[in-house]
Amino acid sequence: MTFTIPYPRTKAGMSAFCKRFGLNAIYSGKHWSKRREDAEYWHLTVKAELMRQNVPYKAYDNPVSISFLWNDRLDIDNHALIGKYILDSLKGYLIHDDDRRFVKEVHHRFYDGDCITVEVTPL
């Protein structure tokens, strides 16, 4: 199952996106209430995209591999927080839970697409 999440369309929007959601934002002391707002943003965004793209509402019974494909200015390791937000948003929709029984591996890689692509592959 593959779905996408659009990036901001402007250079300024992309810059703000990278500053807000990169792992460095946490290390700089982002307040817990802002982290909660960020998590809510991602949960709503992911659920909206799943519905908009007609992704079936059915959790895989078997373990899965999840791949994130990025095309932004963040270093690959700075996507960890966004990946966590997206993965948490999939609980109860495409995966039963995000523990080791259901998610066996997570991959992050770059590509040349114009959106974030998430691939959920049964193992």
Foldseek 3Di string as FASTA:
>chain_A
DKFWFAQDPDPVSLVVVCCLQFPVVVVVPDDPVSLVVVLVVLLVRLVVRCVVVVPAQDADPAAKEKEKEDDGDDDQVRCVRVVVSNQCSCPNGHHVHPDCRHYVYYYYYYDDDRTIMMDIGGD
